[in-house]
Amino acid sequence: MTSPPASDQATAEILWLARLEYRFHAWRAKRARGRGQRPTVAAFPGYGSTEWVRVLGRVLIPPKTKRRERGDYAGVRGWRSFASVPIAHADVTVTIAGTSHDVAADGGGVIDIVLPASLPAGWQTITMSVEGSDPVEARVFIVGRDVRFGVVSDIDDTVMVTALPRPLLAAWNSFVLNEHARQPVPGMAVLLERLIRDNPGSPILYLSTGAWNVAPTLVRFQRRHLFPSGAMLLTDWGPTHDRWFRSGKAHKAANLRRLADEFPGIRWLLVGDDGQHDDQIYTAFTAEHPEQVAAVAIRRLSPAEAVLAGGRTAVDDHTAAGVPWVTGDDGSELLERLTDVDVVRDVPPSS
């Protein structure tokens, strides 16, 4: 009898692992419910147009966490983000401007769905609830019809120092490090805030290979360090039907193409770093959609960060590119370079 091809054997192993992961989470959910715990919705910032909304969130049973008197989470370690129990295929009610929609979460408890809506431009509030729980508010940024500029920014080593490519250090940063110890990349909050201030009504979206588990941590980090609010486009770690782990590069490329289709009139400033594959991803997107890229800004890792991250990704020569392509060590340098190429307006100092 002929043995199946190696690729088929590998796919069978991955399918088996994916089923095991699903059963493990189902067992955890049953235990949590047995202790009287009930699921809730972790609502993430979304985005949309004046005709539709992309709703983002996750249904889970969170671990019990101590709070300080002022209401903040006390010393949240990264592992707590992964201790929540995802609830697969949960029925969720999304209410937008008084209209309710019944939707279902995916196998990882993630809600990522586009719903019809008629909302004014700017930040708006919708609600989500599961199994009769109290509604949870979610914010969505509605892009006006006349908006022609937007920002897409990576997170790891672009706005927050993580040294993600090195597995052991990534695990330390993700699972062990207290979230209050996480450090922002110098000057990046100022750069992104300046871009949004100079372009009123423009969206900013944070596109990362990070897991949905850490979305609440990232939102709190951004608020604490004064980064402008924006939708989070993260991914779900773990095995799929054909891979041991989801492809971060494919996740980023697919979301960029999606944004190009959703907002054909917007030109995007793409912000990333040279520690992963941002230059390669942005190069491919710029080649496919040159008319929808305003500029690319790549942050160079410091020598110490490059060592921790396992080296840098070579940034190609983009002198012949049809769009401005700038690099800098931090947000301040990138702001200066973007000002030189007229992506950011040069504002003279006040006298």
Protein backbone atom coordinates (compact mmCIF):
# COMPACT_ATOMS: atom_id res chain seq x y z
CA MET A 1 0.00 0.00 0.00
CA THR A 2 1.38 3.38 -1.04
CA SER A 3 2.11 5.80 1.81
CA PRO A 4 0.45 9.22 1.62
CA PRO A 5 2.67 12.12 0.53
CA ALA A 6 4.69 13.82 3.27
CA SER A 7 2.65 17.02 2.83
CA ASP A 8 -0.57 15.09 3.49
CA GLN A 9 0.95 13.51 6.59
CA ALA A 10 2.01 16.92 7.90
CA THR A 11 -1.47 18.36 7.27
CA ALA A 12 -3.03 15.42 9.13
CA GLU A 13 -0.72 16.08 12.09
CA ILE A 14 -1.63 19.76 12.12
CA LEU A 15 -5.34 18.99 11.88
CA TRP A 16 -4.95 16.64 14.82
CA LEU A 17 -3.17 19.32 16.85
CA ALA A 18 -5.84 21.89 15.98
CA ARG A 19 -8.55 19.49 17.15
CA LEU A 20 -6.62 18.85 20.36
CA GLU A 21 -6.37 22.59 21.02
CA TYR A 22 -10.12 22.97 20.45
CA ARG A 23 -10.92 20.13 22.86
CA PHE A 24 -8.55 21.53 25.47
CA HIS A 25 -10.28 24.92 25.43
CA ALA A 26 -13.70 23.22 25.50
CA TRP A 27 -12.61 21.32 28.63
CA ARG A 28 -11.37 24.54 30.25
CA ALA A 29 -14.65 26.30 29.41
CA LYS A 30 -16.67 23.46 30.96
CA ARG A 31 -14.61 23.64 34.16
CA ALA A 32 -14.94 27.43 34.36
CA ARG A 33 -18.70 27.26 33.89
CA GLY A 34 -18.84 24.58 36.56
CA ARG A 35 -17.27 27.07 38.97
CA GLY A 36 -20.04 29.54 38.19
CA GLN A 37 -18.01 31.73 35.84
CA ARG A 38 -19.74 33.16 32.78
CA PRO A 39 -18.36 34.48 29.50
CA THR A 40 -18.04 38.11 28.60
CA VAL A 41 -16.96 40.06 25.55
CA ALA A 42 -13.57 41.74 25.38
CA ALA A 43 -14.34 44.57 22.96
CA PHE A 44 -11.52 45.91 20.79
CA PRO A 45 -11.45 49.19 18.85
CA GLY A 46 -12.87 48.74 15.35
CA TYR A 47 -13.29 50.86 12.26
CA GLY A 48 -15.62 51.42 9.36
CA SER A 49 -17.14 53.77 6.83
CA THR A 50 -20.39 55.69 6.98
CA GLU A 51 -22.10 52.56 5.56
CA TRP A 52 -20.50 49.64 7.44
CA VAL A 53 -18.53 48.75 10.55
CA ARG A 54 -15.85 46.13 11.16
CA VAL A 55 -16.59 44.85 14.66
CA LEU A 56 -13.70 43.31 16.61
CA GLY A 57 -13.72 41.48 19.93
CA ARG A 58 -13.36 38.16 21.69
CA VAL A 59 -15.65 36.03 23.84
CA LEU A 60 -13.85 34.61 26.85
CA ILE A 61 -13.96 33.80 30.53
CA PRO A 62 -11.21 35.95 32.06
CA PRO A 63 -9.13 34.96 35.09
CA LYS A 64 -9.85 36.73 38.34
CA THR A 65 -7.52 39.69 38.73
CA LYS A 66 -6.93 41.89 41.76
CA ARG A 67 -7.63 45.58 41.40
CA ARG A 68 -6.16 48.52 43.19
CA GLU A 69 -8.39 50.96 45.05
CA ARG A 70 -8.37 53.37 42.13
CA GLY A 71 -9.70 50.65 39.84
CA ASP A 72 -6.56 49.86 37.83
CA TYR A 73 -5.35 46.33 37.43
CA ALA A 74 -2.58 45.62 39.90
CA GLY A 75 0.71 44.48 38.38
CA VAL A 76 -0.66 42.58 35.39
CA ARG A 77 1.77 39.93 34.17
CA GLY A 78 1.74 38.98 30.52
CA TRP A 79 0.71 35.37 31.20
CA ARG A 80 -2.67 36.54 32.49
CA SER A 81 -3.56 37.63 28.96
CA PHE A 82 -3.23 33.99 27.89
CA ALA A 83 -5.01 32.54 30.95
CA SER A 84 -8.45 33.57 29.73
CA VAL A 85 -10.66 30.78 28.40
CA PRO A 86 -11.83 31.46 24.81
CA ILE A 87 -15.44 30.47 24.11
CA ALA A 88 -15.76 28.97 20.63
CA HIS A 89 -18.72 29.77 18.39
CA ALA A 90 -20.49 31.86 21.04
CA ASP A 91 -23.64 33.72 20.01
CA VAL A 92 -23.09 37.45 20.34
CA THR A 93 -25.52 40.35 19.99
CA VAL A 94 -24.01 43.48 18.44
CA THR A 95 -26.08 46.66 18.73
CA ILE A 96 -25.28 49.56 16.40
CA ALA A 97 -27.36 52.75 16.57
CA GLY A 98 -30.28 50.86 18.07
CA THR A 99 -30.19 47.98 15.59
CA SER A 100 -29.24 44.54 16.91
CA HIS A 101 -27.33 41.91 14.94
CA ASP A 102 -26.86 38.30 16.03
CA VAL A 103 -23.40 37.02 15.09
CA ALA A 104 -21.19 34.08 16.05
CA ALA A 105 -17.60 34.07 17.25
CA ASP A 106 -15.12 31.77 15.50
CA GLY A 107 -13.45 28.68 16.92
CA GLY A 108 -11.07 30.84 18.97
CA GLY A 109 -13.81 33.06 20.34
CA VAL A 110 -12.79 35.93 18.04
CA ILE A 111 -15.42 38.28 16.63
CA ASP A 112 -14.30 39.84 13.35
CA ILE A 113 -17.28 40.73 11.21
CA VAL A 114 -18.51 43.53 8.97
CA LEU A 115 -22.04 44.78 9.66
CA PRO A 116 -24.15 47.39 7.87
CA ALA A 117 -24.40 50.69 9.70
CA SER A 118 -25.13 54.35 9.13
CA LEU A 119 -22.93 56.31 11.48
CA PRO A 120 -21.34 59.77 11.37
CA ALA A 121 -17.60 60.16 10.96
CA GLY A 122 -15.35 59.98 14.01
CA TRP A 123 -15.33 57.80 17.10
CA GLN A 124 -18.69 56.12 17.79
CA THR A 125 -19.88 53.63 20.39
CA ILE A 126 -21.53 50.26 19.80
CA THR A 127 -22.31 47.46 22.28
CA MET A 128 -21.79 43.70 22.40
CA SER A 129 -23.24 41.09 24.75
CA VAL A 130 -23.13 37.31 25.08
CA GLU A 131 -25.57 34.92 26.78
CA GLY A 132 -27.65 37.72 28.23
CA SER A 133 -24.71 39.43 29.92
CA ASP A 134 -24.57 43.16 30.44
CA PRO A 135 -23.69 44.97 27.19
CA VAL A 136 -20.03 45.88 26.76
CA GLU A 137 -19.23 49.12 24.96
CA ALA A 138 -16.87 49.11 22.01
CA ARG A 139 -15.49 52.10 20.13
CA VAL A 140 -15.32 52.20 16.35
CA PHE A 141 -13.67 54.85 14.21
CA ILE A 142 -15.82 55.85 11.25
CA VAL A 143 -13.90 57.19 8.28
CA GLY A 144 -15.61 60.07 6.49
CA ARG A 145 -16.18 60.04 2.75
CA ASP A 146 -13.77 62.94 2.19
CA VAL A 147 -10.79 61.43 4.07
CA ARG A 148 -7.76 60.84 1.83
CA PHE A 149 -4.99 59.96 4.32
CA GLY A 150 -4.50 57.21 6.91
CA VAL A 151 -1.79 55.55 8.99
CA VAL A 152 -1.01 51.85 9.40
CA SER A 153 1.55 51.12 12.11
CA ASP A 154 3.23 47.97 13.32
CA ILE A 155 3.42 47.56 17.12
CA ASP A 156 6.30 45.30 18.17
CA ASP A 157 9.58 47.23 18.09
CA THR A 158 7.82 50.04 16.23
CA VAL A 159 5.76 51.61 19.01
CA MET A 160 6.68 49.21 21.85
CA VAL A 161 10.11 47.69 22.51
CA THR A 162 9.67 43.91 22.50
CA ALA A 163 12.52 42.33 20.49
CA LEU A 164 9.84 39.98 19.19
CA PRO A 165 11.79 37.91 16.62
CA ARG A 166 13.88 36.20 19.32
CA PRO A 167 11.60 33.43 20.67
CA LEU A 168 12.85 33.27 24.28
CA LEU A 169 12.85 37.02 24.75
CA ALA A 170 9.49 37.27 23.04
CA ALA A 171 8.14 34.72 25.50
CA TRP A 172 9.57 36.74 28.41
CA ASN A 173 8.01 39.96 27.14
CA SER A 174 4.67 38.30 26.36
CA PHE A 175 4.19 35.99 29.34
CA VAL A 176 6.32 37.23 32.25
CA LEU A 177 7.02 40.95 32.05
CA ASN A 178 4.71 43.22 34.01
CA GLU A 179 2.81 45.35 31.52
CA HIS A 180 3.83 48.54 33.35
CA ALA A 181 7.47 47.67 32.60
CA ARG A 182 6.96 47.71 28.85
CA GLN A 183 8.73 50.63 27.21
CA PRO A 184 7.58 52.73 24.25
CA VAL A 185 9.90 53.46 21.35
CA PRO A 186 11.10 57.05 21.95
CA GLY A 187 9.27 59.67 19.94
CA MET A 188 6.75 57.33 18.30
CA ALA A 189 3.75 58.59 20.27
CA VAL A 190 4.62 62.15 19.27
CA LEU A 191 5.04 61.16 15.61
CA LEU A 192 1.71 59.33 15.37
CA GLU A 193 -0.16 62.01 17.31
CA ARG A 194 1.31 64.68 15.02
CA LEU A 195 0.19 62.76 11.92
CA ILE A 196 -3.38 62.45 13.19
CA ARG A 197 -3.47 66.06 14.38
CA ASP A 198 -2.28 67.34 11.00
CA ASN A 199 -4.86 65.20 9.18
CA PRO A 200 -8.16 65.56 11.08
CA GLY A 201 -10.53 62.65 10.59
CA SER A 202 -7.81 60.28 9.36
CA PRO A 203 -7.77 56.72 10.71
CA ILE A 204 -4.85 55.02 12.40
CA LEU A 205 -4.73 51.23 12.53
CA TYR A 206 -2.26 49.14 14.49
CA LEU A 207 -1.40 46.05 12.43
CA SER A 208 0.60 43.42 14.31
CA THR A 209 1.41 39.72 14.36
CA GLY A 210 0.61 39.75 18.09
CA ALA A 211 -2.14 37.53 19.48
CA TRP A 212 -5.65 38.78 20.27
CA ASN A 213 -4.93 37.74 23.86
CA VAL A 214 -2.73 40.80 24.37
CA ALA A 215 -5.13 43.34 22.84
CA PRO A 216 -6.37 44.67 26.22
CA THR A 217 -2.76 45.05 27.37
CA LEU A 218 -1.88 46.97 24.19
CA VAL A 219 -4.86 49.30 24.57
CA ARG A 220 -3.82 50.14 28.15
CA PHE A 221 -0.21 50.60 27.04
CA GLN A 222 -1.24 53.06 24.34
CA ARG A 223 -3.39 55.08 26.72
CA ARG A 224 -0.64 55.18 29.34
CA HIS A 225 1.96 56.43 26.85
CA LEU A 226 -0.38 58.81 24.97
CA PHE A 227 -0.49 57.03 21.62
CA PRO A 228 -3.48 57.99 19.46
CA SER A 229 -6.38 55.53 19.63
CA GLY A 230 -6.90 53.22 16.68
CA ALA A 231 -8.24 49.85 15.67
CA MET A 232 -6.17 46.77 16.55
CA LEU A 233 -5.63 44.23 13.79
CA LEU A 234 -4.07 41.25 15.55
CA THR A 235 -4.14 37.51 14.89
CA ASP A 236 -4.87 34.23 16.65
CA TRP A 237 -1.87 32.07 17.46
CA GLY A 238 -1.96 28.31 17.20
CA PRO A 239 -2.41 25.56 14.60
CA THR A 240 -4.72 25.88 11.61
CA HIS A 241 -5.88 23.35 9.02
CA ASP A 242 -2.60 23.60 7.12
CA ARG A 243 0.03 25.21 9.38
CA TRP A 244 1.53 24.68 12.83
CA PHE A 245 1.26 28.43 13.44
CA ARG A 246 -0.54 31.18 11.59
CA SER A 247 1.63 33.20 9.21
CA GLY A 248 2.29 36.69 10.53
CA LYS A 249 3.43 37.89 7.11
CA ALA A 250 0.27 36.60 5.46
CA HIS A 251 -1.83 38.24 8.18
CA LYS A 252 -0.26 41.64 7.56
CA ALA A 253 -0.35 41.38 3.78
CA ALA A 254 -4.00 40.29 3.76
CA ASN A 255 -5.10 43.16 6.01
CA LEU A 256 -3.23 45.72 3.91
CA ARG A 257 -4.94 44.44 0.77
CA ARG A 258 -8.26 44.53 2.60
CA LEU A 259 -7.75 48.18 3.59
CA ALA A 260 -6.90 49.01 -0.02
CA ASP A 261 -10.20 47.48 -1.14
CA GLU A 262 -12.25 49.03 1.67
CA PHE A 263 -10.86 52.56 1.25
CA PRO A 264 -9.75 52.97 -2.37
CA GLY A 265 -9.50 56.76 -2.00
CA ILE A 266 -7.09 56.73 0.95
CA ARG A 267 -3.32 56.94 0.68
CA TRP A 268 -1.63 55.21 3.61
CA LEU A 269 1.52 56.02 5.53
CA LEU A 270 3.00 52.62 6.44
CA VAL A 271 5.10 52.57 9.62
CA GLY A 272 7.24 49.60 10.68
CA ASP A 273 10.74 48.49 11.70
CA ASP A 274 13.65 46.52 10.29
CA GLY A 275 13.50 43.73 12.88
CA GLN A 276 10.90 41.57 11.14
CA HIS A 277 9.50 41.62 7.59
CA ASP A 278 7.88 45.05 7.41
CA ASP A 279 10.13 46.32 4.62
CA GLN A 280 9.40 43.26 2.49
CA ILE A 281 5.64 43.40 3.17
CA TYR A 282 5.41 47.13 2.52
CA THR A 283 7.51 46.79 -0.65
CA ALA A 284 5.10 44.21 -2.05
CA PHE A 285 2.05 46.28 -1.12
CA THR A 286 3.54 49.44 -2.64
CA ALA A 287 4.23 47.57 -5.88
CA GLU A 288 0.61 46.36 -5.99
CA HIS A 289 -1.03 49.64 -4.90
CA PRO A 290 1.41 52.53 -5.53
CA GLU A 291 -1.43 55.04 -5.77
CA GLN A 292 -2.58 54.10 -2.25
CA VAL A 293 0.72 54.61 -0.42
CA ALA A 294 1.64 58.10 0.77
CA ALA A 295 5.01 57.03 2.21
CA VAL A 296 6.80 54.29 4.14
CA ALA A 297 8.64 54.92 7.42
CA ILE A 298 10.93 52.20 8.78
CA ARG A 299 12.39 52.44 12.27
CA ARG A 300 15.93 51.07 12.59
CA LEU A 301 16.57 48.90 15.63
CA SER A 302 19.42 49.94 17.88
CA PRO A 303 22.51 47.66 17.85
CA ALA A 304 21.48 46.18 21.22
CA GLU A 305 17.90 45.61 20.05
CA ALA A 306 19.16 44.04 16.81
CA VAL A 307 21.27 41.56 18.79
CA LEU A 308 18.33 40.64 21.02
CA ALA A 309 16.06 40.37 17.99
CA GLY A 310 18.45 38.09 16.15
CA GLY A 311 19.59 40.72 13.67
CA ARG A 312 17.98 43.14 11.27
CA THR A 313 16.10 42.56 8.07
CA ALA A 314 17.95 44.27 5.25
CA VAL A 315 16.09 47.36 4.06
CA ASP A 316 16.19 47.45 0.28
CA ASP A 317 17.27 50.44 -1.76
CA HIS A 318 14.08 52.41 -2.43
CA THR A 319 15.60 55.49 -4.06
CA ALA A 320 13.78 54.65 -7.29
CA ALA A 321 10.46 53.97 -5.58
CA GLY A 322 7.47 56.02 -6.60
CA VAL A 323 6.69 56.93 -2.98
CA PRO A 324 8.88 58.45 -0.24
CA TRP A 325 10.73 55.81 1.81
CA VAL A 326 12.41 57.01 5.00
CA THR A 327 14.29 55.40 7.89
CA GLY A 328 15.24 56.60 11.36
CA ASP A 329 16.34 55.37 14.77
CA ASP A 330 13.23 56.60 16.58
CA GLY A 331 10.06 58.59 16.19
CA SER A 332 11.87 61.91 16.29
CA GLU A 333 14.12 61.03 13.36
CA LEU A 334 11.22 59.60 11.37
CA LEU A 335 9.23 62.78 11.98
CA GLU A 336 12.17 64.82 10.68
CA ARG A 337 12.53 62.64 7.58
CA LEU A 338 8.79 62.71 6.86
CA THR A 339 8.86 66.49 7.18
CA ASP A 340 11.71 66.61 4.63
CA VAL A 341 9.57 64.72 2.08
CA ASP A 342 6.45 66.82 2.85
CA VAL A 343 4.42 63.98 4.35
CA VAL A 344 4.34 65.97 7.59
CA ARG A 345 3.87 69.71 7.39
CA ASP A 346 6.79 71.77 8.70
CA VAL A 347 5.38 73.93 11.48
CA PRO A 348 7.70 76.84 12.41
CA PRO A 349 8.35 77.27 16.15
CA SER A 350 6.16 79.86 17.87
CA SER A 351 7.90 83.03 18.83
